[in-house]
Amino acid sequence: MLAKEKETDILDELSNHAQRVKLFNHPSQHIHVIKYLTAHPPGLESTEEIYVADQEDWVHGSFNVCILIHIGGHNAGGRKERPLK
C-alpha cells in the first residue's frame, strides 16, 4: 500500500471514530429520556426502577447501538431486561 493510500485510510478512520463518539455521546446525555420512554409502555409510575447499563456494556456495530436497560433495579434478582435499539 502506498503512503498516500495509508494517509487516506487514516483520515477515514479518524472521521469514523469522531462519528462513533458522537453516536455514543447523544444517548449518554439523554439517559433521563431513555428511562422515561422505557417506563411509559409497561405503565411504571416512575423511572426509579429503571437502570440503563454503563456505556461500556452497550452492544454496537459501526454506526448503531443497542443499550441494555434493566427494569426492577440494578442488582435485583429476577429483573427484566429490555434492549433499546
N, C-alpha and C. Protein backbone atom coordinates (compact mmCIF):
# COMPACT_ATOMS: atom_id res chain seq x y z
N MET A 1 0.85 -1.18 0.00
CA MET A 1 0.00 0.00 0.00
C MET A 1 0.90 1.24 0.00
N LEU A 2 0.54 2.19 -0.81
CA LEU A 2 1.30 3.43 -0.90
C LEU A 2 1.03 4.32 0.30
N ALA A 3 1.98 5.19 0.61
CA ALA A 3 1.84 6.11 1.75
C ALA A 3 0.61 6.99 1.58
N LYS A 4 0.35 7.42 0.36
CA LYS A 4 -0.81 8.28 0.11
C LYS A 4 -2.11 7.54 0.43
N GLU A 5 -2.20 6.26 0.07
CA GLU A 5 -3.38 5.46 0.37
C GLU A 5 -3.54 5.27 1.88
N LYS A 6 -2.43 5.04 2.58
CA LYS A 6 -2.47 4.88 4.04
C LYS A 6 -2.99 6.16 4.69
N GLU A 7 -2.53 7.31 4.18
CA GLU A 7 -2.97 8.60 4.74
C GLU A 7 -4.48 8.75 4.60
N THR A 8 -5.01 8.38 3.45
CA THR A 8 -6.46 8.47 3.22
C THR A 8 -7.21 7.54 4.16
N ASP A 9 -6.70 6.31 4.34
CA ASP A 9 -7.33 5.36 5.26
C ASP A 9 -7.36 5.91 6.68
N ILE A 10 -6.28 6.51 7.12
CA ILE A 10 -6.21 7.07 8.47
C ILE A 10 -7.21 8.21 8.63
N LEU A 11 -7.33 9.07 7.63
CA LEU A 11 -8.30 10.16 7.70
C LEU A 11 -9.72 9.62 7.78
N ASP A 12 -10.02 8.57 7.02
CA ASP A 12 -11.34 7.94 7.09
C ASP A 12 -11.59 7.36 8.48
N GLU A 13 -10.58 6.69 9.04
CA GLU A 13 -10.72 6.10 10.38
C GLU A 13 -10.96 7.18 11.43
N LEU A 14 -10.23 8.29 11.34
CA LEU A 14 -10.42 9.38 12.30
C LEU A 14 -11.82 9.97 12.18
N SER A 15 -12.28 10.14 10.96
CA SER A 15 -13.63 10.67 10.74
C SER A 15 -14.67 9.71 11.30
N ASN A 16 -14.51 8.41 11.04
CA ASN A 16 -15.44 7.41 11.56
C ASN A 16 -15.41 7.37 13.08
N HIS A 17 -14.24 7.49 13.67
CA HIS A 17 -14.12 7.48 15.13
C HIS A 17 -14.88 8.67 15.73
N ALA A 18 -14.72 9.83 15.14
CA ALA A 18 -15.42 11.02 15.64
C ALA A 18 -16.93 10.84 15.54
N GLN A 19 -17.39 10.22 14.47
CA GLN A 19 -18.82 9.99 14.30
C GLN A 19 -19.33 8.97 15.32
N ARG A 20 -18.52 7.93 15.63
CA ARG A 20 -18.92 6.94 16.64
C ARG A 20 -18.99 7.58 18.02
N VAL A 21 -18.04 8.44 18.33
CA VAL A 21 -18.06 9.14 19.62
C VAL A 21 -19.34 9.97 19.73
N LYS A 22 -19.67 10.66 18.66
CA LYS A 22 -20.90 11.47 18.64
C LYS A 22 -22.13 10.58 18.81
N LEU A 23 -22.13 9.42 18.15
CA LEU A 23 -23.24 8.47 18.26
C LEU A 23 -23.45 8.03 19.71
N PHE A 24 -22.38 7.76 20.43
CA PHE A 24 -22.48 7.31 21.82
C PHE A 24 -22.78 8.46 22.78
N ASN A 25 -22.27 9.63 22.50
CA ASN A 25 -22.48 10.76 23.41
C ASN A 25 -23.93 11.20 23.46
N HIS A 26 -24.62 11.15 22.34
CA HIS A 26 -26.02 11.61 22.33
C HIS A 26 -26.89 10.82 23.31
N PRO A 27 -26.94 9.48 23.22
CA PRO A 27 -27.77 8.77 24.21
C PRO A 27 -27.24 8.91 25.63
N SER A 28 -25.93 9.02 25.80
CA SER A 28 -25.37 9.19 27.15
C SER A 28 -25.88 10.47 27.80
N GLN A 29 -26.06 11.50 27.01
CA GLN A 29 -26.52 12.78 27.53
C GLN A 29 -28.04 12.82 27.72
N HIS A 30 -28.73 11.77 27.28
CA HIS A 30 -30.19 11.75 27.36
C HIS A 30 -30.70 10.50 28.08
N ILE A 31 -29.95 10.03 29.08
CA ILE A 31 -30.36 8.85 29.85
C ILE A 31 -31.73 9.07 30.47
N HIS A 32 -32.01 10.28 30.95
CA HIS A 32 -33.31 10.55 31.56
C HIS A 32 -34.46 10.34 30.57
N VAL A 33 -34.23 10.67 29.31
CA VAL A 33 -35.26 10.47 28.28
C VAL A 33 -35.43 8.97 28.00
N ILE A 34 -34.32 8.25 27.93
CA ILE A 34 -34.37 6.80 27.71
C ILE A 34 -35.16 6.13 28.84
N LYS A 35 -34.89 6.54 30.08
CA LYS A 35 -35.62 5.97 31.22
C LYS A 35 -37.11 6.28 31.13
N TYR A 36 -37.44 7.51 30.79
CA TYR A 36 -38.85 7.92 30.68
C TYR A 36 -39.56 7.10 29.61
N LEU A 37 -38.95 6.97 28.43
CA LEU A 37 -39.56 6.23 27.33
C LEU A 37 -39.69 4.74 27.65
N THR A 38 -38.76 4.22 28.44
CA THR A 38 -38.81 2.82 28.85
C THR A 38 -39.92 2.59 29.87
N ALA A 39 -40.12 3.53 30.76
CA ALA A 39 -41.13 3.39 31.81
C ALA A 39 -42.55 3.49 31.27
N HIS A 40 -42.73 4.23 30.21
CA HIS A 40 -44.08 4.50 29.71
C HIS A 40 -44.85 3.26 29.24
N PRO A 41 -44.32 2.43 28.30
CA PRO A 41 -45.11 1.30 27.81
C PRO A 41 -45.55 0.29 28.89
N PRO A 42 -44.66 -0.11 29.84
CA PRO A 42 -45.14 -1.07 30.85
C PRO A 42 -45.99 -0.41 31.94
N GLY A 43 -46.17 0.90 31.87
CA GLY A 43 -47.02 1.60 32.82
C GLY A 43 -46.39 1.84 34.18
N LEU A 44 -45.08 1.93 34.24
CA LEU A 44 -44.41 2.24 35.51
C LEU A 44 -44.67 3.71 35.86
N GLU A 45 -44.87 3.98 37.13
CA GLU A 45 -45.17 5.35 37.54
C GLU A 45 -43.93 6.23 37.64
N SER A 46 -42.76 5.62 37.82
CA SER A 46 -41.54 6.43 37.90
C SER A 46 -40.41 5.69 37.18
N THR A 47 -39.29 6.38 37.05
CA THR A 47 -38.13 5.78 36.39
C THR A 47 -37.14 5.20 37.40
N GLU A 48 -37.51 5.19 38.68
CA GLU A 48 -36.59 4.73 39.72
C GLU A 48 -36.22 3.25 39.57
N GLU A 49 -37.10 2.44 38.99
CA GLU A 49 -36.83 1.01 38.83
C GLU A 49 -36.05 0.70 37.56
N ILE A 50 -35.71 1.72 36.81
CA ILE A 50 -35.05 1.51 35.52
C ILE A 50 -33.57 1.86 35.63
N TYR A 51 -32.73 0.91 35.22
CA TYR A 51 -31.29 1.12 35.22
C TYR A 51 -30.78 0.96 33.80
N VAL A 52 -30.11 1.95 33.29
CA VAL A 52 -29.51 1.90 31.96
C VAL A 52 -28.06 1.45 32.14
N ALA A 53 -27.70 0.37 31.44
CA ALA A 53 -26.34 -0.18 31.56
C ALA A 53 -25.29 0.87 31.22
N ASP A 54 -24.11 0.69 31.79
CA ASP A 54 -22.99 1.59 31.50
C ASP A 54 -22.62 1.51 30.02
N GLN A 55 -22.10 2.59 29.52
CA GLN A 55 -21.78 2.69 28.09
C GLN A 55 -20.87 1.55 27.62
N GLU A 56 -19.93 1.12 28.45
CA GLU A 56 -19.03 0.05 28.01
C GLU A 56 -19.75 -1.29 27.85
N ASP A 57 -20.97 -1.41 28.37
CA ASP A 57 -21.76 -2.63 28.22
C ASP A 57 -22.73 -2.57 27.04
N TRP A 58 -22.77 -1.44 26.35
CA TRP A 58 -23.64 -1.31 25.19
C TRP A 58 -23.09 -2.16 24.05
N VAL A 59 -23.97 -2.76 23.28
CA VAL A 59 -23.58 -3.55 22.12
C VAL A 59 -23.68 -2.62 20.91
N HIS A 60 -22.66 -2.65 20.08
CA HIS A 60 -22.67 -1.72 18.95
C HIS A 60 -22.03 -2.31 17.72
N GLY A 61 -22.42 -1.76 16.59
CA GLY A 61 -21.79 -2.05 15.31
C GLY A 61 -21.04 -0.80 14.89
N SER A 62 -20.86 -0.63 13.61
CA SER A 62 -20.16 0.57 13.15
C SER A 62 -20.92 1.84 13.48
N PHE A 63 -22.21 1.86 13.14
CA PHE A 63 -22.99 3.07 13.38
C PHE A 63 -24.38 2.75 13.92
N ASN A 64 -24.43 1.79 14.83
CA ASN A 64 -25.67 1.51 15.55
C ASN A 64 -25.31 1.12 16.98
N VAL A 65 -26.28 1.20 17.86
CA VAL A 65 -26.00 0.88 19.26
C VAL A 65 -27.25 0.26 19.87
N CYS A 66 -27.04 -0.74 20.71
CA CYS A 66 -28.11 -1.39 21.45
C CYS A 66 -27.81 -1.18 22.94
N ILE A 67 -28.69 -0.47 23.62
CA ILE A 67 -28.48 -0.10 25.02
C ILE A 67 -29.29 -1.05 25.90
N LEU A 68 -28.63 -1.75 26.81
CA LEU A 68 -29.31 -2.68 27.69
C LEU A 68 -29.93 -1.92 28.86
N ILE A 69 -31.20 -2.17 29.07
CA ILE A 69 -31.94 -1.50 30.13
C ILE A 69 -32.50 -2.56 31.07
N HIS A 70 -32.28 -2.39 32.36
CA HIS A 70 -32.81 -3.31 33.37
C HIS A 70 -34.02 -2.65 34.02
N ILE A 71 -35.10 -3.40 34.13
CA ILE A 71 -36.29 -2.90 34.80
C ILE A 71 -36.43 -3.68 36.10
N GLY A 72 -36.45 -2.97 37.21
CA GLY A 72 -36.57 -3.62 38.50
C GLY A 72 -35.33 -3.49 39.35
N GLY A 73 -34.44 -2.60 39.00
CA GLY A 73 -33.26 -2.33 39.81
C GLY A 73 -31.99 -2.85 39.19
N HIS A 74 -30.88 -2.29 39.62
CA HIS A 74 -29.57 -2.62 39.06
C HIS A 74 -29.15 -4.04 39.38
N ASN A 75 -29.28 -4.47 40.63
CA ASN A 75 -28.82 -5.80 41.04
C ASN A 75 -29.96 -6.69 41.52
N ALA A 76 -31.18 -6.33 41.21
CA ALA A 76 -32.32 -7.09 41.71
C ALA A 76 -32.40 -8.45 41.01
N GLY A 77 -32.64 -9.50 41.80
CA GLY A 77 -32.84 -10.82 41.20
C GLY A 77 -34.15 -10.83 40.44
N GLY A 78 -34.18 -11.54 39.34
CA GLY A 78 -35.39 -11.64 38.55
C GLY A 78 -35.76 -10.38 37.80
N ARG A 79 -34.82 -9.48 37.62
CA ARG A 79 -35.14 -8.24 36.91
C ARG A 79 -35.41 -8.54 35.45
N LYS A 80 -36.17 -7.69 34.84
CA LYS A 80 -36.47 -7.82 33.42
C LYS A 80 -35.44 -7.00 32.66
N GLU A 81 -35.10 -7.47 31.49
CA GLU A 81 -34.15 -6.73 30.66
C GLU A 81 -34.82 -6.40 29.34
N ARG A 82 -34.53 -5.22 28.85
CA ARG A 82 -35.10 -4.77 27.58
C ARG A 82 -34.00 -4.07 26.79
N PRO A 83 -33.67 -4.58 25.58
CA PRO A 83 -32.68 -3.86 24.77
C PRO A 83 -33.35 -2.70 24.05
N LEU A 84 -32.68 -1.58 23.99
CA LEU A 84 -33.16 -0.41 23.25
C LEU A 84 -32.28 -0.26 22.03
N LYS A 85 -32.86 -0.36 20.86
CA LYS A 85 -32.09 -0.26 19.62
C LYS A 85 -32.37 1.05 18.94
